[in-house]
């Protein structure tokens, strides 16, 4: 299953790369891609685990980049 989000207030390409690396370390995530230019986050995970993955991803993003807001697309 794939979910797409907008990352409002994402400040730089380095921040995007840092978020992408951290999200891909989650064992439940099959793939996570953060694109700075479009401020887009794409998460792929098993459907039954997606809600938990999205919640944990939100916590990770807030911890690393407190100003970033995660909005569903």
PDB file of N, CA and C in Angstrom:
ATOM      1  N   UNK A   1       0.846  -1.165   0.000  1.00  0.00           N
ATOM      2  CA  UNK A   1       0.000   0.000   0.000  1.00  0.00           C
ATOM      3  C   UNK A   1       0.899   1.237   0.000  1.00  0.00           C
ATOM      4  N   UNK A   2       0.457   2.264  -0.697  1.00  0.00           N
ATOM      5  CA  UNK A   2       1.211   3.509  -0.793  1.00  0.00           C
ATOM      6  C   UNK A   2       0.381   4.659  -0.244  1.00  0.00           C
ATOM      7  N   UNK A   3       1.011   5.492   0.565  1.00  0.00           N
ATOM      8  CA  UNK A   3       0.373   6.715   1.071  1.00  0.00           C
ATOM      9  C   UNK A   3       1.276   7.881   0.715  1.00  0.00           C
ATOM     10  N   UNK A   4       0.668   9.006   0.339  1.00  0.00           N
ATOM     11  CA  UNK A   4       1.406  10.191  -0.086  1.00  0.00           C
ATOM     12  C   UNK A   4       1.028  11.361   0.823  1.00  0.00           C
ATOM     13  N   UNK A   5       2.052  12.122   1.232  1.00  0.00           N
ATOM     14  CA  UNK A   5       1.859  13.255   2.135  1.00  0.00           C
ATOM     15  C   UNK A   5       2.623  14.466   1.618  1.00  0.00           C
ATOM     16  N   UNK A   6       2.172  15.640   2.035  1.00  0.00           N
ATOM     17  CA  UNK A   6       2.899  16.882   1.792  1.00  0.00           C
ATOM     18  C   UNK A   6       3.592  17.266   3.092  1.00  0.00           C
ATOM     19  N   UNK A   7       4.854  17.660   2.990  1.00  0.00           N
ATOM     20  CA  UNK A   7       5.635  18.081   4.159  1.00  0.00           C
ATOM     21  C   UNK A   7       5.764  19.604   4.123  1.00  0.00           C
ATOM     22  N   UNK A   8       4.837  20.287   4.758  1.00  0.00           N
ATOM     23  CA  UNK A   8       4.864  21.749   4.777  1.00  0.00           C
ATOM     24  C   UNK A   8       5.998  22.237   5.674  1.00  0.00           C
ATOM     25  N   UNK A   9       6.638  23.320   5.277  1.00  0.00           N
ATOM     26  CA  UNK A   9       7.743  23.953   6.008  1.00  0.00           C
ATOM     27  C   UNK A   9       9.028  23.128   5.983  1.00  0.00           C
ATOM     28  N   UNK A  10       9.172  22.221   5.025  1.00  0.00           N
ATOM     29  CA  UNK A  10      10.419  21.472   4.875  1.00  0.00           C
ATOM     30  C   UNK A  10      11.479  22.441   4.382  1.00  0.00           C
ATOM     31  N   UNK A  11      12.568  22.608   5.161  1.00  0.00           N
ATOM     32  CA  UNK A  11      13.504  23.694   4.929  1.00  0.00           C
ATOM     33  C   UNK A  11      14.584  23.508   3.890  1.00  0.00           C
ATOM     34  N   UNK A  12      15.098  22.293   3.717  1.00  0.00           N
ATOM     35  CA  UNK A  12      16.228  22.130   2.802  1.00  0.00           C
ATOM     36  C   UNK A  12      16.339  20.679   2.333  1.00  0.00           C
ATOM     37  N   UNK A  13      17.143  20.487   1.300  1.00  0.00           N
ATOM     38  CA  UNK A  13      17.340  19.149   0.743  1.00  0.00           C
ATOM     39  C   UNK A  13      18.011  18.224   1.758  1.00  0.00           C
ATOM     40  N   UNK A  14      18.900  18.767   2.576  1.00  0.00           N
ATOM     41  CA  UNK A  14      19.554  17.964   3.599  1.00  0.00           C
ATOM     42  C   UNK A  14      18.532  17.457   4.619  1.00  0.00           C
ATOM     43  N   UNK A  15      17.582  18.306   4.972  1.00  0.00           N
ATOM     44  CA  UNK A  15      16.528  17.898   5.904  1.00  0.00           C
ATOM     45  C   UNK A  15      15.702  16.771   5.295  1.00  0.00           C
ATOM     46  N   UNK A  16      15.383  16.879   4.014  1.00  0.00           N
ATOM     47  CA  UNK A  16      14.622  15.843   3.319  1.00  0.00           C
ATOM     48  C   UNK A  16      15.379  14.521   3.329  1.00  0.00           C
ATOM     49  N   UNK A  17      16.676  14.576   3.056  1.00  0.00           N
ATOM     50  CA  UNK A  17      17.501  13.363   3.047  1.00  0.00           C
ATOM     51  C   UNK A  17      17.569  12.735   4.432  1.00  0.00           C
ATOM     52  N   UNK A  18      17.685  13.563   5.459  1.00  0.00           N
ATOM     53  CA  UNK A  18      17.734  13.068   6.836  1.00  0.00           C
ATOM     54  C   UNK A  18      16.429  12.360   7.195  1.00  0.00           C
ATOM     55  N   UNK A  19      15.313  12.943   6.822  1.00  0.00           N
ATOM     56  CA  UNK A  19      14.019  12.322   7.093  1.00  0.00           C
ATOM     57  C   UNK A  19      13.886  10.999   6.341  1.00  0.00           C
ATOM     58  N   UNK A  20      14.275  11.007   5.081  1.00  0.00           N
ATOM     59  CA  UNK A  20      14.174   9.793   4.270  1.00  0.00           C
ATOM     60  C   UNK A  20      15.002   8.650   4.866  1.00  0.00           C
ATOM     61  N   UNK A  21      16.224   8.943   5.273  1.00  0.00           N
ATOM     62  CA  UNK A  21      17.076   7.905   5.890  1.00  0.00           C
ATOM     63  C   UNK A  21      16.429   7.352   7.154  1.00  0.00           C
ATOM     64  N   UNK A  22      15.910   8.225   7.988  1.00  0.00           N
ATOM     65  CA  UNK A  22      15.306   7.798   9.252  1.00  0.00           C
ATOM     66  C   UNK A  22      14.056   6.963   9.029  1.00  0.00           C
ATOM     67  N   UNK A  23      13.222   7.369   8.094  1.00  0.00           N
ATOM     68  CA  UNK A  23      11.989   6.630   7.825  1.00  0.00           C
ATOM     69  C   UNK A  23      12.269   5.265   7.210  1.00  0.00           C
ATOM     70  N   UNK A  24      13.296   5.172   6.390  1.00  0.00           N
ATOM     71  CA  UNK A  24      13.640   3.881   5.789  1.00  0.00           C
ATOM     72  C   UNK A  24      14.244   2.907   6.788  1.00  0.00           C
ATOM     73  N   UNK A  25      14.653   3.376   7.956  1.00  0.00           N
ATOM     74  CA  UNK A  25      15.171   2.489   9.001  1.00  0.00           C
ATOM     75  C   UNK A  25      14.056   1.768   9.750  1.00  0.00           C
ATOM     76  N   UNK A  26      12.821   2.242   9.596  1.00  0.00           N
ATOM     77  CA  UNK A  26      11.698   1.592  10.262  1.00  0.00           C
ATOM     78  C   UNK A  26      11.486   0.216   9.632  1.00  0.00           C
ATOM     79  N   UNK A  27      11.400  -0.827  10.466  1.00  0.00           N
ATOM     80  CA  UNK A  27      11.317  -2.185   9.926  1.00  0.00           C
ATOM     81  C   UNK A  27      10.016  -2.442   9.171  1.00  0.00           C
ATOM     82  N   UNK A  28       8.947  -1.739   9.505  1.00  0.00           N
ATOM     83  CA  UNK A  28       7.657  -1.952   8.845  1.00  0.00           C
ATOM     84  C   UNK A  28       7.565  -1.267   7.487  1.00  0.00           C
ATOM     85  N   UNK A  29       8.494  -0.354   7.191  1.00  0.00           N
ATOM     86  CA  UNK A  29       8.459   0.422   5.949  1.00  0.00           C
ATOM     87  C   UNK A  29       9.170  -0.343   4.839  1.00  0.00           C
ATOM     88  N   UNK A  30       8.448  -0.546   3.731  1.00  0.00           N
ATOM     89  CA  UNK A  30       9.072  -1.159   2.557  1.00  0.00           C
ATOM     90  C   UNK A  30       9.910  -0.129   1.814  1.00  0.00           C
ATOM     91  N   UNK A  31       9.395   1.106   1.754  1.00  0.00           N
ATOM     92  CA  UNK A  31      10.103   2.187   1.068  1.00  0.00           C
ATOM     93  C   UNK A  31       9.537   3.527   1.533  1.00  0.00           C
ATOM     94  N   UNK A  32      10.424   4.493   1.722  1.00  0.00           N
ATOM     95  CA  UNK A  32      10.017   5.866   2.035  1.00  0.00           C
ATOM     96  C   UNK A  32      10.870   6.801   1.187  1.00  0.00           C
ATOM     97  N   UNK A  33      10.203   7.723   0.497  1.00  0.00           N
ATOM     98  CA  UNK A  33      10.895   8.670  -0.362  1.00  0.00           C
ATOM     99  C   UNK A  33      10.442  10.078  -0.011  1.00  0.00           C
ATOM    100  N   UNK A  34      11.416  10.960   0.247  1.00  0.00           N
ATOM    101  CA  UNK A  34      11.126  12.368   0.509  1.00  0.00           C
ATOM    102  C   UNK A  34      11.759  13.186  -0.613  1.00  0.00           C
ATOM    103  N   UNK A  35      10.928  13.977  -1.287  1.00  0.00           N
ATOM    104  CA  UNK A  35      11.403  14.821  -2.382  1.00  0.00           C
ATOM    105  C   UNK A  35      11.304  16.271  -1.940  1.00  0.00           C
ATOM    106  N   UNK A  36      12.452  16.927  -1.813  1.00  0.00           N
ATOM    107  CA  UNK A  36      12.468  18.304  -1.326  1.00  0.00           C
ATOM    108  C   UNK A  36      11.762  19.269  -2.275  1.00  0.00           C
ATOM    109  N   UNK A  37      11.994  19.145  -3.560  1.00  0.00           N
ATOM    110  CA  UNK A  37      11.436  20.102  -4.526  1.00  0.00           C
ATOM    111  C   UNK A  37       9.907  20.136  -4.486  1.00  0.00           C
ATOM    112  N   UNK A  38       9.283  18.987  -4.309  1.00  0.00           N
ATOM    113  CA  UNK A  38       7.821  18.928  -4.276  1.00  0.00           C
ATOM    114  C   UNK A  38       7.285  18.853  -2.849  1.00  0.00           C
ATOM    115  N   UNK A  39       8.211  18.741  -1.877  1.00  0.00           N
ATOM    116  CA  UNK A  39       7.850  18.603  -0.462  1.00  0.00           C
ATOM    117  C   UNK A  39       6.890  17.426  -0.271  1.00  0.00           C
ATOM    118  N   UNK A  40       7.221  16.328  -0.928  1.00  0.00           N
ATOM    119  CA  UNK A  40       6.358  15.156  -0.961  1.00  0.00           C
ATOM    120  C   UNK A  40       7.016  13.978  -0.255  1.00  0.00           C
ATOM    121  N   UNK A  41       6.221  13.267   0.540  1.00  0.00           N
ATOM    122  CA  UNK A  41       6.648  12.034   1.207  1.00  0.00           C
ATOM    123  C   UNK A  41       5.782  10.904   0.676  1.00  0.00           C
ATOM    124  N   UNK A  42       6.414   9.841   0.208  1.00  0.00           N
ATOM    125  CA  UNK A  42       5.706   8.654  -0.249  1.00  0.00           C
ATOM    126  C   UNK A  42       6.174   7.492   0.630  1.00  0.00           C
ATOM    127  N   UNK A  43       5.219   6.845   1.283  1.00  0.00           N
ATOM    128  CA  UNK A  43       5.522   5.701   2.145  1.00  0.00           C
ATOM    129  C   UNK A  43       4.849   4.469   1.571  1.00  0.00           C
ATOM    130  N   UNK A  44       5.614   3.391   1.466  1.00  0.00           N
ATOM    131  CA  UNK A  44       5.070   2.101   1.055  1.00  0.00           C
ATOM    132  C   UNK A  44       5.261   1.124   2.209  1.00  0.00           C
ATOM    133  N   UNK A  45       4.151   0.451   2.574  1.00  0.00           N
ATOM    134  CA  UNK A  45       4.178  -0.544   3.644  1.00  0.00           C
ATOM    135  C   UNK A  45       2.974  -1.459   3.465  1.00  0.00           C
ATOM    136  N   UNK A  46       2.960  -2.548   4.212  1.00  0.00           N
ATOM    137  CA  UNK A  46       1.818  -3.457   4.147  1.00  0.00           C
ATOM    138  C   UNK A  46       0.572  -2.747   4.666  1.00  0.00           C
ATOM    139  N   UNK A  47      -0.551  -3.023   4.039  1.00  0.00           N
ATOM    140  CA  UNK A  47      -1.788  -2.315   4.357  1.00  0.00           C
ATOM    141  C   UNK A  47      -2.157  -2.420   5.827  1.00  0.00           C
ATOM    142  N   UNK A  48      -2.026  -3.593   6.406  1.00  0.00           N
ATOM    143  CA  UNK A  48      -2.423  -3.781   7.811  1.00  0.00           C
ATOM    144  C   UNK A  48      -1.509  -3.053   8.797  1.00  0.00           C
ATOM    145  N   UNK A  49      -0.341  -2.656   8.360  1.00  0.00           N
ATOM    146  CA  UNK A  49       0.598  -1.937   9.238  1.00  0.00           C
ATOM    147  C   UNK A  49       0.662  -0.442   8.948  1.00  0.00           C
ATOM    148  N   UNK A  50      -0.040   0.001   7.914  1.00  0.00           N
ATOM    149  CA  UNK A  50       0.113   1.382   7.442  1.00  0.00           C
ATOM    150  C   UNK A  50      -0.254   2.421   8.500  1.00  0.00           C
ATOM    151  N   UNK A  51      -1.346   2.231   9.242  1.00  0.00           N
ATOM    152  CA  UNK A  51      -1.733   3.228  10.242  1.00  0.00           C
ATOM    153  C   UNK A  51      -0.646   3.419  11.290  1.00  0.00           C
ATOM    154  N   UNK A  52      -0.075   2.326  11.770  1.00  0.00           N
ATOM    155  CA  UNK A  52       1.005   2.407  12.764  1.00  0.00           C
ATOM    156  C   UNK A  52       2.246   3.050  12.158  1.00  0.00           C
ATOM    157  N   UNK A  53       2.544   2.728  10.906  1.00  0.00           N
ATOM    158  CA  UNK A  53       3.704   3.310  10.216  1.00  0.00           C
ATOM    159  C   UNK A  53       3.536   4.823  10.092  1.00  0.00           C
ATOM    160  N   UNK A  54       2.347   5.272   9.712  1.00  0.00           N
ATOM    161  CA  UNK A  54       2.097   6.705   9.542  1.00  0.00           C
ATOM    162  C   UNK A  54       2.229   7.436  10.875  1.00  0.00           C
ATOM    163  N   UNK A  55       1.715   6.853  11.949  1.00  0.00           N
ATOM    164  CA  UNK A  55       1.837   7.482  13.270  1.00  0.00           C
ATOM    165  C   UNK A  55       3.296   7.592  13.693  1.00  0.00           C
ATOM    166  N   UNK A  56       4.050   6.518  13.529  1.00  0.00           N
ATOM    167  CA  UNK A  56       5.464   6.539  13.913  1.00  0.00           C
ATOM    168  C   UNK A  56       6.257   7.492  13.022  1.00  0.00           C
ATOM    169  N   UNK A  57       5.952   7.528  11.739  1.00  0.00           N
ATOM    170  CA  UNK A  57       6.634   8.453  10.825  1.00  0.00           C
ATOM    171  C   UNK A  57       6.385   9.891  11.266  1.00  0.00           C
ATOM    172  N   UNK A  58       5.171  10.193  11.665  1.00  0.00           N
ATOM    173  CA  UNK A  58       4.860  11.540  12.160  1.00  0.00           C
ATOM    174  C   UNK A  58       5.677  11.906  13.380  1.00  0.00           C
ATOM    175  N   UNK A  59       5.844  10.949  14.289  1.00  0.00           N
ATOM    176  CA  UNK A  59       6.664  11.201  15.491  1.00  0.00           C
ATOM    177  C   UNK A  59       8.135  11.426  15.122  1.00  0.00           C
ATOM    178  N   UNK A  60       8.638  10.627  14.208  1.00  0.00           N
ATOM    179  CA  UNK A  60      10.032  10.775  13.777  1.00  0.00           C
ATOM    180  C   UNK A  60      10.246  12.139  13.122  1.00  0.00           C
ATOM    181  N   UNK A  61       9.327  12.525  12.262  1.00  0.00           N
ATOM    182  CA  UNK A  61       9.450  13.805  11.564  1.00  0.00           C
ATOM    183  C   UNK A  61       9.408  14.957  12.559  1.00  0.00           C
ATOM    184  N   UNK A  62       8.503  14.931  13.513  1.00  0.00           N
ATOM    185  CA  UNK A  62       8.409  16.001  14.527  1.00  0.00           C
ATOM    186  C   UNK A  62       9.674  16.071  15.377  1.00  0.00           C
ATOM    187  N   UNK A  63      10.251  14.920  15.671  1.00  0.00           N
ATOM    188  CA  UNK A  63      11.477  14.891  16.491  1.00  0.00           C
ATOM    189  C   UNK A  63      12.652  15.510  15.719  1.00  0.00           C
ATOM    190  N   UNK A  64      12.792  15.152  14.448  1.00  0.00           N
ATOM    191  CA  UNK A  64      13.935  15.615  13.662  1.00  0.00           C
ATOM    192  C   UNK A  64      13.750  17.024  13.111  1.00  0.00           C
ATOM    193  N   UNK A  65      12.531  17.349  12.703  1.00  0.00           N
ATOM    194  CA  UNK A  65      12.225  18.648  12.089  1.00  0.00           C
ATOM    195  C   UNK A  65      10.923  19.176  12.690  1.00  0.00           C
ATOM    196  N   UNK A  66      10.978  19.788  13.878  1.00  0.00           N
ATOM    197  CA  UNK A  66       9.761  20.188  14.595  1.00  0.00           C
ATOM    198  C   UNK A  66       8.839  21.139  13.835  1.00  0.00           C
ATOM    199  N   UNK A  67       9.364  21.914  12.891  1.00  0.00           N
ATOM    200  CA  UNK A  67       8.527  22.882  12.163  1.00  0.00           C
ATOM    201  C   UNK A  67       7.756  22.249  11.002  1.00  0.00           C
ATOM    202  N   UNK A  68       8.119  21.037  10.619  1.00  0.00           N
ATOM    203  CA  UNK A  68       7.483  20.385   9.473  1.00  0.00           C
ATOM    204  C   UNK A  68       6.112  19.836   9.877  1.00  0.00           C
ATOM    205  N   UNK A  69       5.115  20.124   9.041  1.00  0.00           N
ATOM    206  CA  UNK A  69       3.768  19.597   9.238  1.00  0.00           C
ATOM    207  C   UNK A  69       3.476  18.566   8.151  1.00  0.00           C
ATOM    208  N   UNK A  70       2.976  17.403   8.569  1.00  0.00           N
ATOM    209  CA  UNK A  70       2.658  16.320   7.643  1.00  0.00           C
ATOM    210  C   UNK A  70       1.177  16.407   7.301  1.00  0.00           C
ATOM    211  N   UNK A  71       0.886  16.585   6.008  1.00  0.00           N
ATOM    212  CA  UNK A  71      -0.496  16.718   5.540  1.00  0.00           C
ATOM    213  C   UNK A  71      -0.779  15.626   4.518  1.00  0.00           C
ATOM    214  N   UNK A  72      -1.882  14.889   4.663  1.00  0.00           N
ATOM    215  CA  UNK A  72      -2.233  13.883   3.657  1.00  0.00           C
ATOM    216  C   UNK A  72      -2.542  14.552   2.316  1.00  0.00           C
ATOM    217  N   UNK A  73      -2.228  13.870   1.238  1.00  0.00           N
ATOM    218  CA  UNK A  73      -2.553  14.395  -0.099  1.00  0.00           C
ATOM    219  C   UNK A  73      -3.798  13.756  -0.604  1.00  0.00           C
TER     220      UNK A  73
END
